[in-house]
């Protein structure tokens, strides 16, 4: 019998918001740097964040705050913005560049409506809960498991097992949804009821 569900964030609950990315670049370019330069600077910041996640370099919310502050300083200097890095971060937290995936709210409501414990396991920075809260999805989630906080990333089986242990769930009583087939395969091998989540 199912007692819980474990979901990926990116590609299941949230997606990149290209419009927000472009609008941020337009606003920054308006201060004289030019649109191409602003787009390149934002893309460089995005690559730095992905690399920090890949290498598990940012392990706490405090470290993440320092990471983003350093990135914001770089943007302010490179684009000669007329405000400080703290103002930039307040106006444009990274999760503003994400948006809810189609059906995400309905999926979470349906899972909670069945009385399931719901966890989110994502290869991401420690602010996983904050990213979902920004889009109003955190209220349906019982456990938030970011690879950077766990110190291990999917598809390593330890990431799944740490999340399950924290939720008090056994693999065989847990549904797992992810848009990455490699992660789904690992979940299946652990005994979870796993499937690739395809957005309609």
N, C-alpha and C. Protein backbone atom coordinates (compact mmCIF):
# COMPACT_ATOMS: atom_id res chain seq x y z
N UNK A 1 0.84 -1.20 0.00
CA UNK A 1 0.00 0.00 0.00
C UNK A 1 0.88 1.25 0.00
N UNK A 2 0.52 2.20 -0.80
CA UNK A 2 1.26 3.45 -0.85
C UNK A 2 1.04 4.28 0.41
N UNK A 3 2.15 4.76 0.98
CA UNK A 3 2.06 5.67 2.12
C UNK A 3 2.68 7.02 1.82
N UNK A 4 3.46 7.09 0.73
CA UNK A 4 4.14 8.35 0.45
C UNK A 4 4.52 8.50 -1.00
N UNK A 5 4.97 9.70 -1.33
CA UNK A 5 5.44 10.01 -2.68
C UNK A 5 6.67 10.90 -2.59
N UNK A 6 7.62 10.63 -3.43
CA UNK A 6 8.84 11.42 -3.51
C UNK A 6 8.94 11.96 -4.94
N UNK A 7 9.10 13.27 -5.06
CA UNK A 7 9.07 13.92 -6.36
C UNK A 7 10.36 14.69 -6.61
N UNK A 8 10.76 14.74 -7.86
CA UNK A 8 11.79 15.66 -8.29
C UNK A 8 11.17 17.06 -8.35
N UNK A 9 12.01 18.10 -8.27
CA UNK A 9 11.47 19.46 -8.42
C UNK A 9 11.49 19.90 -9.87
N UNK A 10 12.68 19.97 -10.46
CA UNK A 10 12.81 20.52 -11.81
C UNK A 10 12.29 19.52 -12.85
N UNK A 11 11.36 19.99 -13.66
CA UNK A 11 10.76 19.13 -14.67
C UNK A 11 9.50 18.43 -14.18
N UNK A 12 9.25 18.48 -12.87
CA UNK A 12 8.03 17.89 -12.31
C UNK A 12 7.17 18.98 -11.67
N UNK A 13 7.78 19.76 -10.79
CA UNK A 13 7.05 20.82 -10.09
C UNK A 13 7.36 22.22 -10.62
N UNK A 14 8.61 22.45 -10.99
CA UNK A 14 9.01 23.77 -11.50
C UNK A 14 9.76 23.63 -12.82
N UNK A 15 9.67 24.68 -13.62
CA UNK A 15 10.35 24.75 -14.91
C UNK A 15 11.07 26.08 -15.04
N UNK A 16 12.09 26.17 -15.89
CA UNK A 16 12.72 27.46 -16.14
C UNK A 16 11.72 28.45 -16.75
N UNK A 17 11.79 29.68 -16.28
CA UNK A 17 10.92 30.74 -16.82
C UNK A 17 11.77 31.64 -17.70
N UNK A 18 11.76 31.36 -18.99
CA UNK A 18 12.61 32.10 -19.93
C UNK A 18 12.16 33.55 -20.06
N UNK A 19 10.88 33.80 -19.91
CA UNK A 19 10.38 35.18 -19.98
C UNK A 19 10.94 36.02 -18.84
N UNK A 20 10.96 35.44 -17.63
CA UNK A 20 11.50 36.17 -16.48
C UNK A 20 12.99 36.44 -16.66
N UNK A 21 13.70 35.47 -17.20
CA UNK A 21 15.13 35.62 -17.47
C UNK A 21 15.37 36.79 -18.44
N UNK A 22 14.59 36.81 -19.50
CA UNK A 22 14.74 37.86 -20.50
C UNK A 22 14.36 39.23 -19.93
N UNK A 23 13.29 39.29 -19.17
CA UNK A 23 12.86 40.56 -18.59
C UNK A 23 13.90 41.11 -17.61
N UNK A 24 14.53 40.23 -16.86
CA UNK A 24 15.59 40.67 -15.95
C UNK A 24 16.75 41.26 -16.74
N UNK A 25 17.11 40.61 -17.83
CA UNK A 25 18.19 41.12 -18.67
C UNK A 25 17.84 42.48 -19.27
N UNK A 26 16.60 42.64 -19.71
CA UNK A 26 16.15 43.91 -20.28
C UNK A 26 16.26 45.03 -19.25
N UNK A 27 15.82 44.76 -18.03
CA UNK A 27 15.87 45.79 -16.98
C UNK A 27 17.31 46.15 -16.62
N UNK A 28 18.16 45.15 -16.57
CA UNK A 28 19.57 45.43 -16.25
C UNK A 28 20.25 46.15 -17.41
N UNK A 29 19.89 45.78 -18.62
CA UNK A 29 20.49 46.42 -19.80
C UNK A 29 20.11 47.89 -19.89
N UNK A 30 18.97 48.25 -19.34
CA UNK A 30 18.49 49.63 -19.41
C UNK A 30 19.42 50.61 -18.72
N UNK A 31 20.32 50.10 -17.88
CA UNK A 31 21.26 50.97 -17.18
C UNK A 31 22.54 51.21 -17.98
N UNK A 32 22.55 50.75 -19.24
CA UNK A 32 23.65 51.11 -20.12
C UNK A 32 24.54 49.98 -20.59
N UNK A 33 24.37 48.77 -20.03
CA UNK A 33 25.28 47.69 -20.39
C UNK A 33 24.95 47.07 -21.74
N UNK A 34 23.70 47.19 -22.17
CA UNK A 34 23.29 46.55 -23.41
C UNK A 34 22.70 45.18 -23.15
N UNK A 35 21.75 44.78 -23.99
CA UNK A 35 21.01 43.55 -23.76
C UNK A 35 21.90 42.31 -23.89
N UNK A 36 22.72 42.25 -24.92
CA UNK A 36 23.56 41.06 -25.11
C UNK A 36 24.49 40.84 -23.92
N UNK A 37 25.07 41.93 -23.46
CA UNK A 37 25.98 41.82 -22.33
C UNK A 37 25.23 41.37 -21.07
N UNK A 38 24.04 41.88 -20.86
CA UNK A 38 23.24 41.48 -19.70
C UNK A 38 22.84 40.02 -19.78
N UNK A 39 22.41 39.58 -20.96
CA UNK A 39 22.05 38.17 -21.13
C UNK A 39 23.24 37.26 -20.87
N UNK A 40 24.40 37.63 -21.38
CA UNK A 40 25.61 36.82 -21.17
C UNK A 40 25.99 36.77 -19.69
N UNK A 41 25.86 37.89 -19.00
CA UNK A 41 26.21 37.93 -17.58
C UNK A 41 25.28 37.05 -16.75
N UNK A 42 23.98 37.11 -17.06
CA UNK A 42 23.03 36.27 -16.35
C UNK A 42 23.25 34.79 -16.65
N UNK A 43 23.56 34.48 -17.90
CA UNK A 43 23.82 33.09 -18.26
C UNK A 43 25.06 32.57 -17.55
N UNK A 44 26.07 33.41 -17.40
CA UNK A 44 27.28 33.02 -16.68
C UNK A 44 26.97 32.72 -15.21
N UNK A 45 26.12 33.57 -14.62
CA UNK A 45 25.71 33.33 -13.24
C UNK A 45 24.95 32.02 -13.11
N UNK A 46 24.10 31.75 -14.08
CA UNK A 46 23.34 30.49 -14.08
C UNK A 46 24.28 29.29 -14.16
N UNK A 47 25.31 29.37 -15.00
CA UNK A 47 26.28 28.28 -15.12
C UNK A 47 27.03 28.08 -13.82
N UNK A 48 27.38 29.16 -13.15
CA UNK A 48 28.08 29.07 -11.86
C UNK A 48 27.22 28.34 -10.83
N UNK A 49 25.93 28.63 -10.84
CA UNK A 49 25.02 27.98 -9.89
C UNK A 49 24.91 26.49 -10.19
N UNK A 50 24.80 26.14 -11.45
CA UNK A 50 24.71 24.72 -11.83
C UNK A 50 25.99 23.98 -11.44
N UNK A 51 27.12 24.63 -11.60
CA UNK A 51 28.39 24.00 -11.23
C UNK A 51 28.49 23.83 -9.72
N UNK A 52 28.01 24.81 -8.98
CA UNK A 52 28.02 24.70 -7.51
C UNK A 52 27.15 23.53 -7.05
N UNK A 53 26.03 23.32 -7.73
CA UNK A 53 25.17 22.19 -7.40
C UNK A 53 25.85 20.88 -7.77
N UNK A 54 26.45 20.83 -8.94
CA UNK A 54 27.10 19.59 -9.41
C UNK A 54 28.20 19.16 -8.46
N UNK A 55 28.97 20.12 -7.97
CA UNK A 55 30.10 19.82 -7.09
C UNK A 55 29.72 19.82 -5.61
N UNK A 56 28.45 20.05 -5.30
CA UNK A 56 27.97 20.10 -3.91
C UNK A 56 28.79 21.09 -3.09
N UNK A 57 29.06 22.25 -3.68
CA UNK A 57 29.93 23.23 -3.03
C UNK A 57 29.22 24.07 -1.99
N UNK A 58 27.90 24.17 -2.09
CA UNK A 58 27.13 25.06 -1.21
C UNK A 58 26.26 24.18 -0.32
N UNK A 59 26.62 24.05 0.95
CA UNK A 59 26.03 23.02 1.80
C UNK A 59 24.97 23.52 2.78
N UNK A 60 24.82 24.83 2.93
CA UNK A 60 23.86 25.37 3.89
C UNK A 60 23.23 26.63 3.33
N UNK A 61 22.15 27.08 3.97
CA UNK A 61 21.51 28.33 3.54
C UNK A 61 22.46 29.51 3.71
N UNK A 62 23.29 29.46 4.76
CA UNK A 62 24.25 30.54 4.98
C UNK A 62 25.29 30.58 3.86
N UNK A 63 25.78 29.40 3.48
CA UNK A 63 26.74 29.34 2.37
C UNK A 63 26.09 29.77 1.06
N UNK A 64 24.82 29.41 0.90
CA UNK A 64 24.12 29.82 -0.32
C UNK A 64 23.95 31.33 -0.38
N UNK A 65 23.63 31.93 0.76
CA UNK A 65 23.50 33.39 0.80
C UNK A 65 24.81 34.06 0.38
N UNK A 66 25.93 33.53 0.87
CA UNK A 66 27.24 34.08 0.50
C UNK A 66 27.52 33.86 -0.99
N UNK A 67 27.13 32.70 -1.49
CA UNK A 67 27.33 32.39 -2.91
C UNK A 67 26.58 33.39 -3.78
N UNK A 68 25.29 33.60 -3.48
CA UNK A 68 24.50 34.50 -4.31
C UNK A 68 24.95 35.95 -4.16
N UNK A 69 25.42 36.32 -2.98
CA UNK A 69 25.91 37.68 -2.78
C UNK A 69 27.14 37.93 -3.65
N UNK A 70 28.02 36.93 -3.72
CA UNK A 70 29.21 37.06 -4.58
C UNK A 70 28.80 37.15 -6.05
N UNK A 71 27.82 36.35 -6.46
CA UNK A 71 27.34 36.41 -7.84
C UNK A 71 26.71 37.76 -8.14
N UNK A 72 25.94 38.29 -7.19
CA UNK A 72 25.30 39.59 -7.39
C UNK A 72 26.33 40.71 -7.49
N UNK A 73 27.38 40.63 -6.67
CA UNK A 73 28.45 41.64 -6.77
C UNK A 73 29.07 41.62 -8.17
N UNK A 74 29.28 40.43 -8.69
CA UNK A 74 29.84 40.31 -10.03
C UNK A 74 28.94 40.92 -11.08
N UNK A 75 27.64 40.71 -10.96
CA UNK A 75 26.69 41.30 -11.92
C UNK A 75 26.66 42.81 -11.81
N UNK A 76 26.63 43.32 -10.58
CA UNK A 76 26.60 44.77 -10.36
C UNK A 76 27.83 45.43 -10.99
N UNK A 77 28.98 44.81 -10.80
CA UNK A 77 30.23 45.37 -11.35
C UNK A 77 30.28 45.24 -12.87
N UNK A 78 29.93 44.05 -13.37
CA UNK A 78 30.04 43.80 -14.82
C UNK A 78 29.07 44.66 -15.63
N UNK A 79 27.89 44.91 -15.06
CA UNK A 79 26.86 45.65 -15.78
C UNK A 79 26.73 47.09 -15.32
N UNK A 80 27.59 47.47 -14.35
CA UNK A 80 27.60 48.84 -13.80
C UNK A 80 26.19 49.25 -13.36
N UNK A 81 25.57 48.40 -12.57
CA UNK A 81 24.22 48.68 -12.11
C UNK A 81 24.24 49.72 -10.99
N UNK A 82 23.25 50.61 -10.96
CA UNK A 82 23.25 51.72 -10.00
C UNK A 82 22.64 51.35 -8.63
N UNK A 83 22.79 50.10 -8.23
CA UNK A 83 22.30 49.67 -6.92
C UNK A 83 23.20 48.55 -6.42
N UNK A 84 23.06 48.21 -5.16
CA UNK A 84 23.94 47.24 -4.54
C UNK A 84 23.51 45.80 -4.78
N UNK A 85 24.41 44.86 -4.50
CA UNK A 85 24.09 43.44 -4.71
C UNK A 85 22.93 42.95 -3.84
N UNK A 86 22.79 43.51 -2.64
CA UNK A 86 21.67 43.10 -1.78
C UNK A 86 20.33 43.47 -2.42
N UNK A 87 20.27 44.65 -3.04
CA UNK A 87 19.04 45.08 -3.72
C UNK A 87 18.74 44.17 -4.91
N UNK A 88 19.79 43.77 -5.61
CA UNK A 88 19.61 42.89 -6.77
C UNK A 88 19.04 41.55 -6.34
N UNK A 89 19.58 40.99 -5.26
CA UNK A 89 19.10 39.70 -4.77
C UNK A 89 17.67 39.79 -4.25
N UNK A 90 17.34 40.90 -3.61
CA UNK A 90 15.97 41.06 -3.10
C UNK A 90 14.96 41.11 -4.24
N UNK A 91 15.35 41.76 -5.33
CA UNK A 91 14.43 41.91 -6.46
C UNK A 91 14.37 40.67 -7.34
N UNK A 92 15.51 39.95 -7.45
CA UNK A 92 15.60 38.83 -8.38
C UNK A 92 16.21 37.60 -7.72
N UNK A 93 15.54 36.99 -6.73
CA UNK A 93 16.04 35.71 -6.21
C UNK A 93 16.01 34.68 -7.34
N UNK A 94 16.88 33.69 -7.27
CA UNK A 94 17.00 32.77 -8.41
C UNK A 94 15.68 32.06 -8.73
N UNK A 95 14.85 31.83 -7.72
CA UNK A 95 13.61 31.09 -8.00
C UNK A 95 12.57 31.97 -8.68
N UNK A 96 12.87 33.25 -8.86
CA UNK A 96 12.00 34.08 -9.69
C UNK A 96 12.15 33.68 -11.17
N UNK A 97 13.25 32.99 -11.48
CA UNK A 97 13.50 32.54 -12.85
C UNK A 97 12.94 31.14 -13.08
N UNK A 98 12.10 30.67 -12.15
CA UNK A 98 11.40 29.40 -12.29
C UNK A 98 9.90 29.68 -12.28
N UNK A 99 9.12 28.72 -12.77
CA UNK A 99 7.67 28.85 -12.74
C UNK A 99 7.07 27.47 -12.50
N UNK A 100 5.86 27.42 -11.94
CA UNK A 100 5.23 26.11 -11.70
C UNK A 100 5.03 25.35 -13.02
N UNK A 101 5.33 24.07 -12.99
CA UNK A 101 5.08 23.23 -14.15
C UNK A 101 3.58 23.02 -14.33
N UNK A 102 3.12 22.82 -15.55
CA UNK A 102 1.69 22.55 -15.76
C UNK A 102 1.25 21.34 -14.93
N UNK A 103 0.18 21.50 -14.18
CA UNK A 103 -0.34 20.40 -13.39
C UNK A 103 0.34 20.17 -12.06
N UNK A 104 1.36 20.98 -11.71
CA UNK A 104 2.11 20.74 -10.48
C UNK A 104 1.22 20.87 -9.25
N UNK A 105 0.43 21.93 -9.19
CA UNK A 105 -0.43 22.14 -8.03
C UNK A 105 -1.47 21.02 -7.92
N UNK A 106 -2.06 20.64 -9.03
CA UNK A 106 -3.04 19.56 -9.02
C UNK A 106 -2.43 18.23 -8.58
N UNK A 107 -1.21 17.97 -9.02
CA UNK A 107 -0.51 16.74 -8.63
C UNK A 107 -0.30 16.70 -7.12
N UNK A 108 0.21 17.78 -6.57
CA UNK A 108 0.47 17.82 -5.12
C UNK A 108 -0.83 17.70 -4.33
N UNK A 109 -1.86 18.38 -4.77
CA UNK A 109 -3.15 18.29 -4.08
C UNK A 109 -3.72 16.87 -4.12
N UNK A 110 -3.56 16.22 -5.26
CA UNK A 110 -4.06 14.85 -5.40
C UNK A 110 -3.32 13.90 -4.47
N UNK A 111 -2.01 14.05 -4.38
CA UNK A 111 -1.23 13.18 -3.51
C UNK A 111 -1.59 13.39 -2.05
N UNK A 112 -1.70 14.65 -1.65
CA UNK A 112 -2.09 14.94 -0.26
C UNK A 112 -3.53 14.51 0.00
N UNK A 113 -4.37 14.60 -1.01
CA UNK A 113 -5.76 14.19 -0.87
C UNK A 113 -5.89 12.69 -0.61
N UNK A 114 -4.89 11.92 -1.04
CA UNK A 114 -4.88 10.48 -0.78
C UNK A 114 -4.25 10.16 0.58
N UNK A 115 -3.88 11.21 1.30
CA UNK A 115 -3.30 10.99 2.62
C UNK A 115 -1.85 10.58 2.61
N UNK A 116 -1.14 10.85 1.52
CA UNK A 116 0.26 10.44 1.39
C UNK A 116 1.19 11.49 1.99
N UNK A 117 2.30 11.00 2.55
CA UNK A 117 3.41 11.89 2.87
C UNK A 117 4.08 12.26 1.56
N UNK A 118 4.44 13.53 1.42
CA UNK A 118 5.05 13.99 0.17
C UNK A 118 6.41 14.61 0.46
N UNK A 119 7.42 14.14 -0.27
CA UNK A 119 8.75 14.73 -0.17
C UNK A 119 9.23 15.16 -1.54
N UNK A 120 10.11 16.15 -1.56
CA UNK A 120 10.74 16.58 -2.80
C UNK A 120 12.24 16.36 -2.68
N UNK A 121 12.78 15.58 -3.60
CA UNK A 121 14.21 15.27 -3.64
C UNK A 121 14.78 15.83 -4.94
N UNK A 122 15.67 16.81 -4.81
CA UNK A 122 16.13 17.52 -6.01
C UNK A 122 17.63 17.80 -5.93
N UNK A 123 18.29 17.67 -7.06
CA UNK A 123 19.69 18.09 -7.16
C UNK A 123 19.69 19.61 -7.30
N UNK A 124 19.81 20.28 -6.17
CA UNK A 124 19.70 21.73 -6.17
C UNK A 124 20.37 22.32 -4.94
N UNK A 125 20.30 23.63 -4.83
CA UNK A 125 20.86 24.36 -3.70
C UNK A 125 20.02 24.16 -2.45
N UNK A 126 20.55 24.52 -1.28
CA UNK A 126 19.81 24.28 -0.03
C UNK A 126 18.44 24.94 0.06
N UNK A 127 18.20 26.00 -0.70
CA UNK A 127 16.94 26.74 -0.60
C UNK A 127 15.79 26.07 -1.36
N UNK A 128 15.73 24.76 -1.32
CA UNK A 128 14.66 24.03 -2.00
C UNK A 128 13.30 24.44 -1.47
N UNK A 129 13.15 24.47 -0.14
CA UNK A 129 11.86 24.85 0.44
C UNK A 129 11.48 26.26 0.00
N UNK A 130 12.43 27.18 0.05
CA UNK A 130 12.15 28.57 -0.32
C UNK A 130 11.71 28.69 -1.78
N UNK A 131 12.32 27.89 -2.65
CA UNK A 131 11.96 27.97 -4.07
C UNK A 131 10.53 27.51 -4.29
N UNK A 132 10.09 26.50 -3.56
CA UNK A 132 8.72 26.03 -3.70
C UNK A 132 7.74 26.99 -3.01
N UNK A 133 8.17 27.56 -1.87
CA UNK A 133 7.31 28.52 -1.16
C UNK A 133 7.04 29.75 -2.02
N UNK A 134 8.04 30.19 -2.77
CA UNK A 134 7.89 31.37 -3.62
C UNK A 134 6.73 31.18 -4.61
N UNK A 135 6.52 29.92 -5.01
CA UNK A 135 5.47 29.62 -5.99
C UNK A 135 4.24 28.97 -5.35
N UNK A 136 4.16 29.01 -4.02
CA UNK A 136 2.97 28.54 -3.33
C UNK A 136 2.79 27.05 -3.29
N UNK A 137 3.87 26.28 -3.45
CA UNK A 137 3.76 24.82 -3.50
C UNK A 137 4.25 24.13 -2.23
N UNK A 138 4.90 24.85 -1.35
CA UNK A 138 5.53 24.22 -0.18
C UNK A 138 4.51 23.66 0.81
N UNK A 139 3.32 24.21 0.84
CA UNK A 139 2.32 23.81 1.84
C UNK A 139 1.88 22.36 1.66
N UNK A 140 2.14 21.78 0.49
CA UNK A 140 1.73 20.41 0.22
C UNK A 140 2.88 19.41 0.41
N UNK A 141 4.01 19.89 0.89
CA UNK A 141 5.22 19.07 0.98
C UNK A 141 5.62 18.88 2.44
N UNK A 142 5.91 17.62 2.80
CA UNK A 142 6.28 17.29 4.18
C UNK A 142 7.79 17.27 4.39
N UNK A 143 8.55 17.03 3.33
CA UNK A 143 10.00 16.96 3.48
C UNK A 143 10.71 17.52 2.27
N UNK A 144 11.76 18.30 2.52
CA UNK A 144 12.51 18.95 1.44
C UNK A 144 13.95 18.44 1.49
N UNK A 145 14.42 17.83 0.39
CA UNK A 145 15.72 17.18 0.38
C UNK A 145 16.54 17.66 -0.81
N UNK A 146 17.42 18.62 -0.56
CA UNK A 146 18.29 19.19 -1.60
C UNK A 146 19.62 18.46 -1.57
N UNK A 147 20.13 18.13 -2.74
CA UNK A 147 21.39 17.38 -2.82
C UNK A 147 22.51 18.11 -2.09
N UNK A 148 22.55 19.43 -2.22
CA UNK A 148 23.63 20.18 -1.59
C UNK A 148 23.57 20.06 -0.06
N UNK A 149 22.38 19.98 0.49
CA UNK A 149 22.23 19.82 1.93
C UNK A 149 22.51 18.39 2.37
N UNK A 150 22.10 17.42 1.55
CA UNK A 150 22.33 16.02 1.87
C UNK A 150 23.79 15.63 1.74
N UNK A 151 24.51 16.31 0.84
CA UNK A 151 25.90 15.95 0.57
C UNK A 151 26.03 14.81 -0.42
N UNK A 152 24.94 14.47 -1.08
CA UNK A 152 24.95 13.41 -2.10
C UNK A 152 23.82 13.71 -3.08
N UNK A 153 24.07 13.40 -4.35
CA UNK A 153 23.12 13.77 -5.40
C UNK A 153 22.59 12.54 -6.12
N UNK A 154 21.38 12.65 -6.66
CA UNK A 154 20.87 11.62 -7.56
C UNK A 154 21.78 11.57 -8.79
N UNK A 155 22.01 10.39 -9.34
CA UNK A 155 21.31 9.13 -9.11
C UNK A 155 21.92 8.23 -8.03
N UNK A 156 22.77 8.75 -7.17
CA UNK A 156 23.32 7.94 -6.09
C UNK A 156 22.17 7.42 -5.22
N UNK A 157 22.08 6.11 -5.01
CA UNK A 157 20.98 5.56 -4.20
C UNK A 157 20.91 6.14 -2.80
N UNK A 158 22.03 6.60 -2.26
CA UNK A 158 22.02 7.15 -0.90
C UNK A 158 21.12 8.37 -0.79
N UNK A 159 21.01 9.15 -1.85
CA UNK A 159 20.14 10.33 -1.81
C UNK A 159 18.68 9.90 -1.59
N UNK A 160 18.25 8.89 -2.32
CA UNK A 160 16.88 8.39 -2.17
C UNK A 160 16.65 7.83 -0.76
N UNK A 161 17.61 7.05 -0.28
CA UNK A 161 17.46 6.39 1.01
C UNK A 161 17.44 7.39 2.16
N UNK A 162 18.24 8.45 2.06
CA UNK A 162 18.23 9.48 3.09
C UNK A 162 16.87 10.17 3.16
N UNK A 163 16.30 10.45 1.99
CA UNK A 163 14.98 11.10 1.96
C UNK A 163 13.90 10.17 2.52
N UNK A 164 13.94 8.91 2.13
CA UNK A 164 12.95 7.95 2.62
C UNK A 164 13.05 7.79 4.13
N UNK A 165 14.27 7.71 4.63
CA UNK A 165 14.47 7.55 6.08
C UNK A 165 13.89 8.74 6.84
N UNK A 166 14.15 9.94 6.33
CA UNK A 166 13.65 11.14 6.99
C UNK A 166 12.12 11.20 6.99
N UNK A 167 11.50 10.67 5.95
CA UNK A 167 10.04 10.66 5.84
C UNK A 167 9.41 9.49 6.59
N UNK A 168 10.24 8.52 7.00
CA UNK A 168 9.71 7.34 7.67
C UNK A 168 8.99 6.40 6.72
N UNK A 169 9.50 6.32 5.48
CA UNK A 169 8.87 5.50 4.45
C UNK A 169 9.80 4.40 3.99
N UNK A 170 9.22 3.26 3.62
CA UNK A 170 9.97 2.18 2.99
C UNK A 170 9.88 2.36 1.47
N UNK A 171 10.89 1.90 0.73
CA UNK A 171 10.84 2.07 -0.73
C UNK A 171 9.58 1.50 -1.36
N UNK A 172 9.17 0.31 -0.92
CA UNK A 172 8.05 -0.36 -1.56
C UNK A 172 6.70 0.31 -1.31
N UNK A 173 6.65 1.25 -0.39
CA UNK A 173 5.39 1.96 -0.13
C UNK A 173 5.44 3.41 -0.61
N UNK A 174 6.39 3.68 -1.53
CA UNK A 174 6.61 5.06 -1.98
C UNK A 174 6.56 5.16 -3.50
N UNK A 175 5.79 6.14 -3.98
CA UNK A 175 5.78 6.49 -5.40
C UNK A 175 6.90 7.48 -5.67
N UNK A 176 7.61 7.29 -6.79
CA UNK A 176 8.66 8.24 -7.15
C UNK A 176 8.41 8.76 -8.57
N UNK A 177 8.45 10.10 -8.73
CA UNK A 177 8.26 10.72 -10.04
C UNK A 177 9.43 11.63 -10.36
N UNK A 178 9.96 11.48 -11.57
CA UNK A 178 11.12 12.27 -12.00
C UNK A 178 11.08 12.35 -13.52
N UNK A 179 11.60 13.43 -14.08
CA UNK A 179 11.65 13.53 -15.54
C UNK A 179 12.92 12.90 -16.11
N UNK A 180 13.82 12.45 -15.24
CA UNK A 180 15.09 11.85 -15.67
C UNK A 180 15.01 10.33 -15.57
N UNK A 181 15.04 9.61 -16.69
CA UNK A 181 14.91 8.14 -16.66
C UNK A 181 15.99 7.45 -15.82
N UNK A 182 17.18 8.02 -15.76
CA UNK A 182 18.25 7.40 -14.97
C UNK A 182 17.88 7.38 -13.49
N UNK A 183 17.32 8.48 -13.00
CA UNK A 183 16.90 8.53 -11.60
C UNK A 183 15.74 7.58 -11.34
N UNK A 184 14.82 7.48 -12.28
CA UNK A 184 13.69 6.57 -12.15
C UNK A 184 14.17 5.13 -12.08
N UNK A 185 15.17 4.78 -12.88
CA UNK A 185 15.70 3.42 -12.87
C UNK A 185 16.30 3.08 -11.51
N UNK A 186 17.04 4.01 -10.93
CA UNK A 186 17.62 3.77 -9.60
C UNK A 186 16.51 3.57 -8.57
N UNK A 187 15.47 4.38 -8.64
CA UNK A 187 14.35 4.25 -7.71
C UNK A 187 13.67 2.89 -7.85
N UNK A 188 13.51 2.43 -9.08
CA UNK A 188 12.93 1.11 -9.31
C UNK A 188 13.79 0.02 -8.69
N UNK A 189 15.10 0.14 -8.87
CA UNK A 189 16.02 -0.86 -8.32
C UNK A 189 15.99 -0.90 -6.80
N UNK A 190 15.65 0.24 -6.19
CA UNK A 190 15.53 0.30 -4.74
C UNK A 190 14.19 -0.26 -4.24
N UNK A 191 13.28 -0.51 -5.16
CA UNK A 191 12.00 -1.08 -4.80
C UNK A 191 10.85 -0.09 -4.77
N UNK A 192 11.09 1.13 -5.21
CA UNK A 192 10.04 2.13 -5.24
C UNK A 192 9.15 1.94 -6.47
N UNK A 193 7.94 2.45 -6.38
CA UNK A 193 7.02 2.45 -7.52
C UNK A 193 7.31 3.73 -8.31
N UNK A 194 8.21 3.63 -9.26
CA UNK A 194 8.74 4.82 -9.92
C UNK A 194 8.34 4.88 -11.38
N UNK A 195 8.18 6.11 -11.86
CA UNK A 195 7.88 6.30 -13.27
C UNK A 195 8.38 7.66 -13.74
N UNK A 196 8.67 7.72 -15.03
CA UNK A 196 9.08 8.98 -15.64
C UNK A 196 7.87 9.89 -15.71
N UNK A 197 8.02 11.11 -15.22
CA UNK A 197 6.93 12.08 -15.23
C UNK A 197 7.05 12.93 -16.49
N UNK A 198 6.10 12.77 -17.39
CA UNK A 198 6.11 13.52 -18.64
C UNK A 198 5.05 14.61 -18.56
N UNK A 199 5.45 15.84 -18.81
CA UNK A 199 4.50 16.96 -18.79
C UNK A 199 3.62 16.89 -20.01
N UNK A 200 2.33 17.09 -19.80
CA UNK A 200 1.37 17.04 -20.91
C UNK A 200 1.30 18.40 -21.60
